[in-house]
Amino acid sequence: MTTDRQRLGTYGEHLAAQHLVRAGMVVLDRNWRGAGGELDLVLRDGRTLVICEVKTRSSTAFGSPLEGVTATKAARLRRLAGQWMAAHDLRVPDVRIDLVGVLRTAAGPEIEHVVGVC
């Protein structure tokens, strides 16, 4: 059974993927699971592999969506990026971690993309 939280997360990931594709990126993978976690989106931006964490919220009562990414989470994303590349036998010149925050409002979604957070 899908929870409201899962539906909100899926909604945000869909909007984030659309936003990033419009910005010229190519989606390589979604919701990839490795040892110790999941990558929301894996994309290619030119020759750069982009690991994108998507945070979606329906209000700012607990802070902005991007405040949900801690140093611990960033380190986990870096480890998972290595696992993803090994699983796909891929070597790239550059790997970048991006964040996309999606805030669902009555006026429509607000999307914020932060490039290269770590």
PDB file of N, CA and C in Angstrom:
ATOM      1  N   MET A   1       0.841  -1.179   0.000  1.00  0.00           N
ATOM      2  CA  MET A   1       0.000   0.000   0.000  1.00  0.00           C
ATOM      3  C   MET A   1       0.893   1.252   0.000  1.00  0.00           C
ATOM      4  N   THR A   2       0.581   2.174  -0.871  1.00  0.00           N
ATOM      5  CA  THR A   2       1.359   3.398  -0.986  1.00  0.00           C
ATOM      6  C   THR A   2       0.859   4.426   0.018  1.00  0.00           C
ATOM      7  N   THR A   3       1.791   5.015   0.752  1.00  0.00           N
ATOM      8  CA  THR A   3       1.429   6.010   1.752  1.00  0.00           C
ATOM      9  C   THR A   3       1.397   7.408   1.112  1.00  0.00           C
ATOM     10  N   ASP A   4       0.819   8.361   1.829  1.00  0.00           N
ATOM     11  CA  ASP A   4       0.811   9.750   1.348  1.00  0.00           C
ATOM     12  C   ASP A   4       2.236  10.256   1.161  1.00  0.00           C
ATOM     13  N   ARG A   5       3.124   9.878   2.066  1.00  0.00           N
ATOM     14  CA  ARG A   5       4.528  10.306   1.987  1.00  0.00           C
ATOM     15  C   ARG A   5       5.197   9.749   0.724  1.00  0.00           C
ATOM     16  N   GLN A   6       4.919   8.484   0.412  1.00  0.00           N
ATOM     17  CA  GLN A   6       5.488   7.885  -0.792  1.00  0.00           C
ATOM     18  C   GLN A   6       4.944   8.560  -2.053  1.00  0.00           C
ATOM     19  N   ARG A   7       3.648   8.853  -2.059  1.00  0.00           N
ATOM     20  CA  ARG A   7       3.049   9.539  -3.216  1.00  0.00           C
ATOM     21  C   ARG A   7       3.662  10.920  -3.395  1.00  0.00           C
ATOM     22  N   LEU A   8       3.891  11.629  -2.296  1.00  0.00           N
ATOM     23  CA  LEU A   8       4.511  12.951  -2.363  1.00  0.00           C
ATOM     24  C   LEU A   8       5.929  12.836  -2.910  1.00  0.00           C
ATOM     25  N   GLY A   9       6.675  11.838  -2.465  1.00  0.00           N
ATOM     26  CA  GLY A   9       8.034  11.629  -2.948  1.00  0.00           C
ATOM     27  C   GLY A   9       8.067  11.308  -4.433  1.00  0.00           C
ATOM     28  N   THR A  10       7.166  10.457  -4.879  1.00  0.00           N
ATOM     29  CA  THR A  10       7.080  10.097  -6.301  1.00  0.00           C
ATOM     30  C   THR A  10       6.730  11.317  -7.137  1.00  0.00           C
ATOM     31  N   TYR A  11       5.798  12.131  -6.641  1.00  0.00           N
ATOM     32  CA  TYR A  11       5.403  13.376  -7.314  1.00  0.00           C
ATOM     33  C   TYR A  11       6.628  14.284  -7.478  1.00  0.00           C
ATOM     34  N   GLY A  12       7.389  14.475  -6.414  1.00  0.00           N
ATOM     35  CA  GLY A  12       8.559  15.341  -6.454  1.00  0.00           C
ATOM     36  C   GLY A  12       9.636  14.817  -7.385  1.00  0.00           C
ATOM     37  N   GLU A  13       9.873  13.507  -7.356  1.00  0.00           N
ATOM     38  CA  GLU A  13      10.889  12.922  -8.234  1.00  0.00           C
ATOM     39  C   GLU A  13      10.498  13.067  -9.703  1.00  0.00           C
ATOM     40  N   HIS A  14       9.216  12.919 -10.002  1.00  0.00           N
ATOM     41  CA  HIS A  14       8.734  13.096 -11.373  1.00  0.00           C
ATOM     42  C   HIS A  14       8.961  14.541 -11.842  1.00  0.00           C
ATOM     43  N   LEU A  15       8.591  15.500 -11.007  1.00  0.00           N
ATOM     44  CA  LEU A  15       8.791  16.908 -11.371  1.00  0.00           C
ATOM     45  C   LEU A  15      10.271  17.246 -11.497  1.00  0.00           C
ATOM     46  N   ALA A  16      11.083  16.718 -10.589  1.00  0.00           N
ATOM     47  CA  ALA A  16      12.523  16.976 -10.639  1.00  0.00           C
ATOM     48  C   ALA A  16      13.114  16.424 -11.930  1.00  0.00           C
ATOM     49  N   ALA A  17      12.739  15.206 -12.303  1.00  0.00           N
ATOM     50  CA  ALA A  17      13.259  14.600 -13.533  1.00  0.00           C
ATOM     51  C   ALA A  17      12.868  15.448 -14.744  1.00  0.00           C
ATOM     52  N   GLN A  18      11.621  15.884 -14.798  1.00  0.00           N
ATOM     53  CA  GLN A  18      11.177  16.742 -15.910  1.00  0.00           C
ATOM     54  C   GLN A  18      12.001  18.022 -15.964  1.00  0.00           C
ATOM     55  N   HIS A  19      12.206  18.638 -14.819  1.00  0.00           N
ATOM     56  CA  HIS A  19      12.966  19.887 -14.724  1.00  0.00           C
ATOM     57  C   HIS A  19      14.399  19.690 -15.224  1.00  0.00           C
ATOM     58  N   LEU A  20      15.031  18.610 -14.804  1.00  0.00           N
ATOM     59  CA  LEU A  20      16.423  18.359 -15.174  1.00  0.00           C
ATOM     60  C   LEU A  20      16.562  17.991 -16.652  1.00  0.00           C
ATOM     61  N   VAL A  21      15.599  17.266 -17.192  1.00  0.00           N
ATOM     62  CA  VAL A  21      15.621  16.934 -18.618  1.00  0.00           C
ATOM     63  C   VAL A  21      15.456  18.211 -19.448  1.00  0.00           C
ATOM     64  N   ARG A  22      14.564  19.095 -19.010  1.00  0.00           N
ATOM     65  CA  ARG A  22      14.406  20.388 -19.707  1.00  0.00           C
ATOM     66  C   ARG A  22      15.695  21.202 -19.657  1.00  0.00           C
ATOM     67  N   ALA A  23      16.500  20.984 -18.614  1.00  0.00           N
ATOM     68  CA  ALA A  23      17.788  21.683 -18.482  1.00  0.00           C
ATOM     69  C   ALA A  23      18.885  21.009 -19.307  1.00  0.00           C
ATOM     70  N   GLY A  24      18.555  19.927 -20.014  1.00  0.00           N
ATOM     71  CA  GLY A  24      19.511  19.292 -20.905  1.00  0.00           C
ATOM     72  C   GLY A  24      20.134  18.003 -20.410  1.00  0.00           C
ATOM     73  N   MET A  25      19.721  17.524 -19.257  1.00  0.00           N
ATOM     74  CA  MET A  25      20.284  16.285 -18.729  1.00  0.00           C
ATOM     75  C   MET A  25      19.534  15.077 -19.277  1.00  0.00           C
ATOM     76  N   VAL A  26      20.173  13.910 -19.163  1.00  0.00           N
ATOM     77  CA  VAL A  26      19.579  12.654 -19.605  1.00  0.00           C
ATOM     78  C   VAL A  26      19.436  11.744 -18.390  1.00  0.00           C
ATOM     79  N   VAL A  27      18.236  11.242 -18.152  1.00  0.00           N
ATOM     80  CA  VAL A  27      17.996  10.338 -17.024  1.00  0.00           C
ATOM     81  C   VAL A  27      18.542   8.949 -17.388  1.00  0.00           C
ATOM     82  N   LEU A  28      19.412   8.420 -16.534  1.00  0.00           N
ATOM     83  CA  LEU A  28      19.981   7.089 -16.717  1.00  0.00           C
ATOM     84  C   LEU A  28      19.309   6.052 -15.829  1.00  0.00           C
ATOM     85  N   ASP A  29      18.854   6.487 -14.654  1.00  0.00           N
ATOM     86  CA  ASP A  29      18.269   5.546 -13.698  1.00  0.00           C
ATOM     87  C   ASP A  29      17.414   6.317 -12.699  1.00  0.00           C
ATOM     88  N   ARG A  30      16.434   5.626 -12.153  1.00  0.00           N
ATOM     89  CA  ARG A  30      15.565   6.187 -11.106  1.00  0.00           C
ATOM     90  C   ARG A  30      15.425   5.165  -9.982  1.00  0.00           C
ATOM     91  N   ASN A  31      15.449   5.650  -8.776  1.00  0.00           N
ATOM     92  CA  ASN A  31      15.214   4.823  -7.587  1.00  0.00           C
ATOM     93  C   ASN A  31      16.071   3.565  -7.560  1.00  0.00           C
ATOM     94  N   TRP A  32      17.364   3.736  -7.845  1.00  0.00           N
ATOM     95  CA  TRP A  32      18.295   2.614  -7.824  1.00  0.00           C
ATOM     96  C   TRP A  32      18.683   2.311  -6.385  1.00  0.00           C
ATOM     97  N   ARG A  33      18.594   1.042  -6.019  1.00  0.00           N
ATOM     98  CA  ARG A  33      18.928   0.624  -4.652  1.00  0.00           C
ATOM     99  C   ARG A  33      20.275  -0.077  -4.621  1.00  0.00           C
ATOM    100  N   GLY A  34      21.102   0.380  -3.692  1.00  0.00           N
ATOM    101  CA  GLY A  34      22.396  -0.250  -3.454  1.00  0.00           C
ATOM    102  C   GLY A  34      22.501  -0.610  -1.985  1.00  0.00           C
ATOM    103  N   ALA A  35      23.657  -1.095  -1.605  1.00  0.00           N
ATOM    104  CA  ALA A  35      23.885  -1.442  -0.209  1.00  0.00           C
ATOM    105  C   ALA A  35      23.862  -0.168   0.626  1.00  0.00           C
ATOM    106  N   GLY A  36      22.877  -0.039   1.466  1.00  0.00           N
ATOM    107  CA  GLY A  36      22.822   1.099   2.373  1.00  0.00           C
ATOM    108  C   GLY A  36      22.021   2.291   1.890  1.00  0.00           C
ATOM    109  N   GLY A  37      21.257   2.137   0.813  1.00  0.00           N
ATOM    110  CA  GLY A  37      20.444   3.278   0.423  1.00  0.00           C
ATOM    111  C   GLY A  37      19.949   3.246  -1.005  1.00  0.00           C
ATOM    112  N   GLU A  38      19.388   4.368  -1.402  1.00  0.00           N
ATOM    113  CA  GLU A  38      18.770   4.503  -2.715  1.00  0.00           C
ATOM    114  C   GLU A  38      19.191   5.820  -3.353  1.00  0.00           C
ATOM    115  N   LEU A  39      19.389   5.789  -4.666  1.00  0.00           N
ATOM    116  CA  LEU A  39      19.625   7.007  -5.448  1.00  0.00           C
ATOM    117  C   LEU A  39      18.315   7.370  -6.129  1.00  0.00           C
ATOM    118  N   ASP A  40      17.844   8.595  -5.889  1.00  0.00           N
ATOM    119  CA  ASP A  40      16.577   9.020  -6.493  1.00  0.00           C
ATOM    120  C   ASP A  40      16.697   9.103  -8.004  1.00  0.00           C
ATOM    121  N   LEU A  41      17.680   9.870  -8.475  1.00  0.00           N
ATOM    122  CA  LEU A  41      17.883  10.045  -9.911  1.00  0.00           C
ATOM    123  C   LEU A  41      19.368   9.959 -10.233  1.00  0.00           C
ATOM    124  N   VAL A  42      19.681   9.270 -11.309  1.00  0.00           N
ATOM    125  CA  VAL A  42      21.041   9.238 -11.844  1.00  0.00           C
ATOM    126  C   VAL A  42      20.928   9.785 -13.259  1.00  0.00           C
ATOM    127  N   LEU A  43      21.721  10.827 -13.549  1.00  0.00           N
ATOM    128  CA  LEU A  43      21.610  11.501 -14.838  1.00  0.00           C
ATOM    129  C   LEU A  43      22.983  11.732 -15.447  1.00  0.00           C
ATOM    130  N   ARG A  44      22.965  12.093 -16.717  1.00  0.00           N
ATOM    131  CA  ARG A  44      24.187  12.514 -17.403  1.00  0.00           C
ATOM    132  C   ARG A  44      23.986  13.960 -17.817  1.00  0.00           C
ATOM    133  N   ASP A  45      24.977  14.779 -17.486  1.00  0.00           N
ATOM    134  CA  ASP A  45      24.992  16.188 -17.874  1.00  0.00           C
ATOM    135  C   ASP A  45      26.276  16.395 -18.667  1.00  0.00           C
ATOM    136  N   GLY A  46      26.178  16.248 -20.000  1.00  0.00           N
ATOM    137  CA  GLY A  46      27.391  16.247 -20.808  1.00  0.00           C
ATOM    138  C   GLY A  46      28.192  15.000 -20.469  1.00  0.00           C
ATOM    139  N   ARG A  47      29.449  15.182 -20.052  1.00  0.00           N
ATOM    140  CA  ARG A  47      30.303  14.048 -19.674  1.00  0.00           C
ATOM    141  C   ARG A  47      30.268  13.773 -18.168  1.00  0.00           C
ATOM    142  N   THR A  48      29.449  14.507 -17.451  1.00  0.00           N
ATOM    143  CA  THR A  48      29.389  14.391 -15.988  1.00  0.00           C
ATOM    144  C   THR A  48      28.236  13.488 -15.564  1.00  0.00           C
ATOM    145  N   LEU A  49      28.528  12.562 -14.660  1.00  0.00           N
ATOM    146  CA  LEU A  49      27.490  11.753 -14.044  1.00  0.00           C
ATOM    147  C   LEU A  49      26.931  12.560 -12.884  1.00  0.00           C
ATOM    148  N   VAL A  50      25.619  12.693 -12.832  1.00  0.00           N
ATOM    149  CA  VAL A  50      24.969  13.479 -11.784  1.00  0.00           C
ATOM    150  C   VAL A  50      24.101  12.563 -10.933  1.00  0.00           C
ATOM    151  N   ILE A  51      24.376  12.561  -9.643  1.00  0.00           N
ATOM    152  CA  ILE A  51      23.545  11.863  -8.667  1.00  0.00           C
ATOM    153  C   ILE A  51      22.668  12.941  -8.048  1.00  0.00           C
ATOM    154  N   CYS A  52      21.363  12.771  -8.165  1.00  0.00           N
ATOM    155  CA  CYS A  52      20.458  13.818  -7.695  1.00  0.00           C
ATOM    156  C   CYS A  52      19.559  13.303  -6.583  1.00  0.00           C
ATOM    157  N   GLU A  53      19.643  13.949  -5.454  1.00  0.00           N
ATOM    158  CA  GLU A  53      18.760  13.685  -4.319  1.00  0.00           C
ATOM    159  C   GLU A  53      17.581  14.640  -4.430  1.00  0.00           C
ATOM    160  N   VAL A  54      16.383  14.103  -4.342  1.00  0.00           N
ATOM    161  CA  VAL A  54      15.167  14.906  -4.449  1.00  0.00           C
ATOM    162  C   VAL A  54      14.468  14.909  -3.095  1.00  0.00           C
ATOM    163  N   LYS A  55      14.177  16.101  -2.592  1.00  0.00           N
ATOM    164  CA  LYS A  55      13.429  16.242  -1.340  1.00  0.00           C
ATOM    165  C   LYS A  55      12.150  17.008  -1.654  1.00  0.00           C
ATOM    166  N   THR A  56      11.033  16.433  -1.274  1.00  0.00           N
ATOM    167  CA  THR A  56       9.737  17.036  -1.551  1.00  0.00           C
ATOM    168  C   THR A  56       8.990  17.254  -0.248  1.00  0.00           C
ATOM    169  N   ARG A  57       8.410  18.411  -0.126  1.00  0.00           N
ATOM    170  CA  ARG A  57       7.604  18.724   1.062  1.00  0.00           C
ATOM    171  C   ARG A  57       6.328  19.431   0.635  1.00  0.00           C
ATOM    172  N   SER A  58       5.332  19.341   1.483  1.00  0.00           N
ATOM    173  CA  SER A  58       4.066  20.014   1.195  1.00  0.00           C
ATOM    174  C   SER A  58       3.932  21.308   1.994  1.00  0.00           C
ATOM    175  N   SER A  59       4.903  21.574   2.866  1.00  0.00           N
ATOM    176  CA  SER A  59       4.931  22.843   3.594  1.00  0.00           C
ATOM    177  C   SER A  59       6.356  23.070   4.086  1.00  0.00           C
ATOM    178  N   THR A  60       6.591  24.274   4.605  1.00  0.00           N
ATOM    179  CA  THR A  60       7.909  24.580   5.165  1.00  0.00           C
ATOM    180  C   THR A  60       7.887  24.540   6.696  1.00  0.00           C
ATOM    181  N   ALA A  61       6.873  23.898   7.258  1.00  0.00           N
ATOM    182  CA  ALA A  61       6.745  23.824   8.716  1.00  0.00           C
ATOM    183  C   ALA A  61       7.989  23.208   9.366  1.00  0.00           C
ATOM    184  N   PHE A  62       8.647  22.303   8.653  1.00  0.00           N
ATOM    185  CA  PHE A  62       9.859  21.668   9.177  1.00  0.00           C
ATOM    186  C   PHE A  62      11.081  22.099   8.393  1.00  0.00           C
ATOM    187  N   GLY A  63      11.029  23.281   7.779  1.00  0.00           N
ATOM    188  CA  GLY A  63      12.141  23.803   6.994  1.00  0.00           C
ATOM    189  C   GLY A  63      11.946  23.563   5.509  1.00  0.00           C
ATOM    190  N   SER A  64      12.867  24.088   4.742  1.00  0.00           N
ATOM    191  CA  SER A  64      12.788  23.925   3.287  1.00  0.00           C
ATOM    192  C   SER A  64      13.125  22.488   2.918  1.00  0.00           C
ATOM    193  N   PRO A  65      12.709  22.038   1.740  1.00  0.00           N
ATOM    194  CA  PRO A  65      13.036  20.669   1.342  1.00  0.00           C
ATOM    195  C   PRO A  65      14.536  20.387   1.357  1.00  0.00           C
ATOM    196  N   LEU A  66      15.342  21.363   0.978  1.00  0.00           N
ATOM    197  CA  LEU A  66      16.780  21.129   0.877  1.00  0.00           C
ATOM    198  C   LEU A  66      17.460  21.012   2.230  1.00  0.00           C
ATOM    199  N   GLU A  67      16.806  21.471   3.278  1.00  0.00           N
ATOM    200  CA  GLU A  67      17.381  21.336   4.618  1.00  0.00           C
ATOM    201  C   GLU A  67      17.394  19.888   5.092  1.00  0.00           C
ATOM    202  N   GLY A  68      16.713  19.008   4.367  1.00  0.00           N
ATOM    203  CA  GLY A  68      16.653  17.598   4.743  1.00  0.00           C
ATOM    204  C   GLY A  68      17.888  16.815   4.369  1.00  0.00           C
ATOM    205  N   VAL A  69      18.856  17.439   3.710  1.00  0.00           N
ATOM    206  CA  VAL A  69      20.071  16.727   3.301  1.00  0.00           C
ATOM    207  C   VAL A  69      21.207  17.104   4.241  1.00  0.00           C
ATOM    208  N   THR A  70      21.662  16.129   5.004  1.00  0.00           N
ATOM    209  CA  THR A  70      22.723  16.333   5.991  1.00  0.00           C
ATOM    210  C   THR A  70      24.067  15.888   5.417  1.00  0.00           C
ATOM    211  N   ALA A  71      25.138  16.156   6.133  1.00  0.00           N
ATOM    212  CA  ALA A  71      26.469  15.700   5.730  1.00  0.00           C
ATOM    213  C   ALA A  71      26.519  14.181   5.672  1.00  0.00           C
ATOM    214  N   THR A  72      25.826  13.515   6.577  1.00  0.00           N
ATOM    215  CA  THR A  72      25.767  12.056   6.576  1.00  0.00           C
ATOM    216  C   THR A  72      25.094  11.551   5.310  1.00  0.00           C
ATOM    217  N   LYS A  73      23.996  12.195   4.920  1.00  0.00           N
ATOM    218  CA  LYS A  73      23.286  11.813   3.697  1.00  0.00           C
ATOM    219  C   LYS A  73      24.172  12.046   2.476  1.00  0.00           C
ATOM    220  N   ALA A  74      24.903  13.158   2.442  1.00  0.00           N
ATOM    221  CA  ALA A  74      25.790  13.457   1.316  1.00  0.00           C
ATOM    222  C   ALA A  74      26.873  12.387   1.187  1.00  0.00           C
ATOM    223  N   ALA A  75      27.437  11.944   2.303  1.00  0.00           N
ATOM    224  CA  ALA A  75      28.453  10.892   2.275  1.00  0.00           C
ATOM    225  C   ALA A  75      27.857   9.585   1.758  1.00  0.00           C
ATOM    226  N   ARG A  76      26.634   9.277   2.158  1.00  0.00           N
ATOM    227  CA  ARG A  76      25.954   8.076   1.678  1.00  0.00           C
ATOM    228  C   ARG A  76      25.739   8.158   0.168  1.00  0.00           C
ATOM    229  N   LEU A  77      25.375   9.334  -0.338  1.00  0.00           N
ATOM    230  CA  LEU A  77      25.171   9.511  -1.780  1.00  0.00           C
ATOM    231  C   LEU A  77      26.468   9.278  -2.550  1.00  0.00           C
ATOM    232  N   ARG A  78      27.579   9.748  -2.003  1.00  0.00           N
ATOM    233  CA  ARG A  78      28.876   9.524  -2.658  1.00  0.00           C
ATOM    234  C   ARG A  78      29.206   8.029  -2.723  1.00  0.00           C
ATOM    235  N   ARG A  79      28.968   7.307  -1.623  1.00  0.00           N
ATOM    236  CA  ARG A  79      29.218   5.858  -1.612  1.00  0.00           C
ATOM    237  C   ARG A  79      28.309   5.147  -2.615  1.00  0.00           C
ATOM    238  N   LEU A  80      27.041   5.527  -2.643  1.00  0.00           N
ATOM    239  CA  LEU A  80      26.103   4.897  -3.565  1.00  0.00           C
ATOM    240  C   LEU A  80      26.455   5.202  -5.014  1.00  0.00           C
ATOM    241  N   ALA A  81      26.990   6.390  -5.280  1.00  0.00           N
ATOM    242  CA  ALA A  81      27.421   6.728  -6.647  1.00  0.00           C
ATOM    243  C   ALA A  81      28.497   5.747  -7.098  1.00  0.00           C
ATOM    244  N   GLY A  82      29.445   5.442  -6.218  1.00  0.00           N
ATOM    245  CA  GLY A  82      30.479   4.470  -6.537  1.00  0.00           C
ATOM    246  C   GLY A  82      29.901   3.090  -6.794  1.00  0.00           C
ATOM    247  N   GLN A  83      28.915   2.697  -5.997  1.00  0.00           N
ATOM    248  CA  GLN A  83      28.265   1.403  -6.188  1.00  0.00           C
ATOM    249  C   GLN A  83      27.524   1.357  -7.529  1.00  0.00           C
ATOM    250  N   TRP A  84      26.836   2.451  -7.861  1.00  0.00           N
ATOM    251  CA  TRP A  84      26.093   2.501  -9.122  1.00  0.00           C
ATOM    252  C   TRP A  84      27.050   2.361 -10.304  1.00  0.00           C
ATOM    253  N   MET A  85      28.163   3.091 -10.262  1.00  0.00           N
ATOM    254  CA  MET A  85      29.130   3.012 -11.362  1.00  0.00           C
ATOM    255  C   MET A  85      29.718   1.604 -11.468  1.00  0.00           C
ATOM    256  N   ALA A  86      30.018   0.971 -10.347  1.00  0.00           N
ATOM    257  CA  ALA A  86      30.558  -0.390 -10.368  1.00  0.00           C
ATOM    258  C   ALA A  86      29.521  -1.368 -10.932  1.00  0.00           C
ATOM    259  N   ALA A  87      28.269  -1.221 -10.533  1.00  0.00           N
ATOM    260  CA  ALA A  87      27.206  -2.112 -11.009  1.00  0.00           C
ATOM    261  C   ALA A  87      26.977  -1.969 -12.515  1.00  0.00           C
ATOM    262  N   HIS A  88      27.266  -0.788 -13.042  1.00  0.00           N
ATOM    263  CA  HIS A  88      27.059  -0.528 -14.468  1.00  0.00           C
ATOM    264  C   HIS A  88      28.372  -0.517 -15.247  1.00  0.00           C
ATOM    265  N   ASP A  89      29.458  -0.933 -14.591  1.00  0.00           N
ATOM    266  CA  ASP A  89      30.795  -0.964 -15.205  1.00  0.00           C
ATOM    267  C   ASP A  89      31.072   0.341 -15.958  1.00  0.00           C
ATOM    268  N   LEU A  90      30.881   1.435 -15.258  1.00  0.00           N
ATOM    269  CA  LEU A  90      30.998   2.755 -15.864  1.00  0.00           C
ATOM    270  C   LEU A  90      32.091   3.561 -15.173  1.00  0.00           C
ATOM    271  N   ARG A  91      32.893   4.200 -15.980  1.00  0.00           N
ATOM    272  CA  ARG A  91      33.898   5.135 -15.469  1.00  0.00           C
ATOM    273  C   ARG A  91      33.661   6.455 -16.181  1.00  0.00           C
ATOM    274  N   VAL A  92      33.593   7.504 -15.426  1.00  0.00           N
ATOM    275  CA  VAL A  92      33.327   8.829 -15.999  1.00  0.00           C
ATOM    276  C   VAL A  92      34.368   9.818 -15.485  1.00  0.00           C
ATOM    277  N   PRO A  93      34.615  10.886 -16.248  1.00  0.00           N
ATOM    278  CA  PRO A  93      35.612  11.864 -15.802  1.00  0.00           C
ATOM    279  C   PRO A  93      35.161  12.671 -14.584  1.00  0.00           C
ATOM    280  N   ASP A  94      33.868  12.887 -14.453  1.00  0.00           N
ATOM    281  CA  ASP A  94      33.360  13.714 -13.353  1.00  0.00           C
ATOM    282  C   ASP A  94      32.066  13.144 -12.800  1.00  0.00           C
ATOM    283  N   VAL A  95      31.936  13.232 -11.471  1.00  0.00           N
ATOM    284  CA  VAL A  95      30.705  12.860 -10.784  1.00  0.00           C
ATOM    285  C   VAL A  95      30.317  14.039  -9.911  1.00  0.00           C
ATOM    286  N   ARG A  96      29.048  14.364  -9.929  1.00  0.00           N
ATOM    287  CA  ARG A  96      28.550  15.512  -9.177  1.00  0.00           C
ATOM    288  C   ARG A  96      27.299  15.105  -8.417  1.00  0.00           C
ATOM    289  N   ILE A  97      27.132  15.681  -7.232  1.00  0.00           N
ATOM    290  CA  ILE A  97      25.923  15.466  -6.434  1.00  0.00           C
ATOM    291  C   ILE A  97      25.099  16.749  -6.485  1.00  0.00           C
ATOM    292  N   ASP A  98      23.881  16.645  -6.985  1.00  0.00           N
ATOM    293  CA  ASP A  98      22.953  17.776  -7.032  1.00  0.00           C
ATOM    294  C   ASP A  98      21.777  17.504  -6.106  1.00  0.00           C
ATOM    295  N   LEU A  99      21.108  18.567  -5.730  1.00  0.00           N
ATOM    296  CA  LEU A  99      19.881  18.458  -4.943  1.00  0.00           C
ATOM    297  C   LEU A  99      18.764  19.179  -5.676  1.00  0.00           C
ATOM    298  N   VAL A 100      17.580  18.603  -5.604  1.00  0.00           N
ATOM    299  CA  VAL A 100      16.397  19.294  -6.092  1.00  0.00           C
ATOM    300  C   VAL A 100      15.385  19.281  -4.958  1.00  0.00           C
ATOM    301  N   GLY A 101      14.936  20.467  -4.593  1.00  0.00           N
ATOM    302  CA  GLY A 101      13.891  20.612  -3.593  1.00  0.00           C
ATOM    303  C   GLY A 101      12.593  20.950  -4.297  1.00  0.00           C
ATOM    304  N   VAL A 102      11.533  20.238  -3.942  1.00  0.00           N
ATOM    305  CA  VAL A 102      10.215  20.499  -4.509  1.00  0.00           C
ATOM    306  C   VAL A 102       9.277  20.832  -3.355  1.00  0.00           C
ATOM    307  N   LEU A 103       8.657  21.969  -3.451  1.00  0.00           N
ATOM    308  CA  LEU A 103       7.672  22.391  -2.455  1.00  0.00           C
ATOM    309  C   LEU A 103       6.318  22.453  -3.147  1.00  0.00           C
ATOM    310  N   ARG A 104       5.396  21.619  -2.696  1.00  0.00           N
ATOM    311  CA  ARG A 104       4.049  21.606  -3.274  1.00  0.00           C
ATOM    312  C   ARG A 104       3.221  22.684  -2.581  1.00  0.00           C
ATOM    313  N   THR A 105       2.790  23.674  -3.359  1.00  0.00           N
ATOM    314  CA  THR A 105       1.988  24.765  -2.818  1.00  0.00           C
ATOM    315  C   THR A 105       0.646  24.837  -3.534  1.00  0.00           C
ATOM    316  N   ALA A 106      -0.257  25.601  -2.978  1.00  0.00           N
ATOM    317  CA  ALA A 106      -1.572  25.778  -3.601  1.00  0.00           C
ATOM    318  C   ALA A 106      -1.449  26.447  -4.969  1.00  0.00           C
ATOM    319  N   ALA A 107      -0.422  27.275  -5.135  1.00  0.00           N
ATOM    320  CA  ALA A 107      -0.214  27.979  -6.399  1.00  0.00           C
ATOM    321  C   ALA A 107       0.536  27.124  -7.423  1.00  0.00           C
ATOM    322  N   GLY A 108       0.959  25.936  -7.027  1.00  0.00           N
ATOM    323  CA  GLY A 108       1.725  25.064  -7.916  1.00  0.00           C
ATOM    324  C   GLY A 108       3.074  24.754  -7.299  1.00  0.00           C
ATOM    325  N   PRO A 109       3.809  23.820  -7.886  1.00  0.00           N
ATOM    326  CA  PRO A 109       5.073  23.407  -7.298  1.00  0.00           C
ATOM    327  C   PRO A 109       6.163  24.457  -7.472  1.00  0.00           C
ATOM    328  N   GLU A 110       7.001  24.560  -6.459  1.00  0.00           N
ATOM    329  CA  GLU A 110       8.205  25.392  -6.526  1.00  0.00           C
ATOM    330  C   GLU A 110       9.389  24.434  -6.553  1.00  0.00           C
ATOM    331  N   ILE A 111      10.248  24.600  -7.552  1.00  0.00           N
ATOM    332  CA  ILE A 111      11.382  23.692  -7.732  1.00  0.00           C
ATOM    333  C   ILE A 111      12.669  24.477  -7.603  1.00  0.00           C
ATOM    334  N   GLU A 112      13.574  23.984  -6.761  1.00  0.00           N
ATOM    335  CA  GLU A 112      14.880  24.600  -6.586  1.00  0.00           C
ATOM    336  C   GLU A 112      15.955  23.551  -6.850  1.00  0.00           C
ATOM    337  N   HIS A 113      16.864  23.859  -7.780  1.00  0.00           N
ATOM    338  CA  HIS A 113      17.942  22.933  -8.144  1.00  0.00           C
ATOM    339  C   HIS A 113      19.261  23.517  -7.688  1.00  0.00           C
ATOM    340  N   VAL A 114      19.983  22.776  -6.862  1.00  0.00           N
ATOM    341  CA  VAL A 114      21.302  23.205  -6.385  1.00  0.00           C
ATOM    342  C   VAL A 114      22.327  22.262  -7.009  1.00  0.00           C
ATOM    343  N   VAL A 115      23.257  22.832  -7.753  1.00  0.00           N
ATOM    344  CA  VAL A 115      24.257  22.075  -8.500  1.00  0.00           C
ATOM    345  C   VAL A 115      25.514  21.878  -7.665  1.00  0.00           C
ATOM    346  N   GLY A 116      26.013  20.643  -7.629  1.00  0.00           N
ATOM    347  CA  GLY A 116      27.302  20.359  -7.014  1.00  0.00           C
ATOM    348  C   GLY A 116      27.408  20.679  -5.555  1.00  0.00           C
ATOM    349  N   VAL A 117      26.561  20.077  -4.742  1.00  0.00           N
ATOM    350  CA  VAL A 117      26.561  20.386  -3.314  1.00  0.00           C
ATOM    351  C   VAL A 117      27.717  19.744  -2.563  1.00  0.00           C
ATOM    352  N   CYS A 118      28.258  18.659  -3.085  1.00  0.00           N
ATOM    353  CA  CYS A 118      29.381  18.002  -2.420  1.00  0.00           C
ATOM    354  C   CYS A 118      30.131  17.140  -3.391  1.00  0.00           C
TER     355      CYS A 118
END
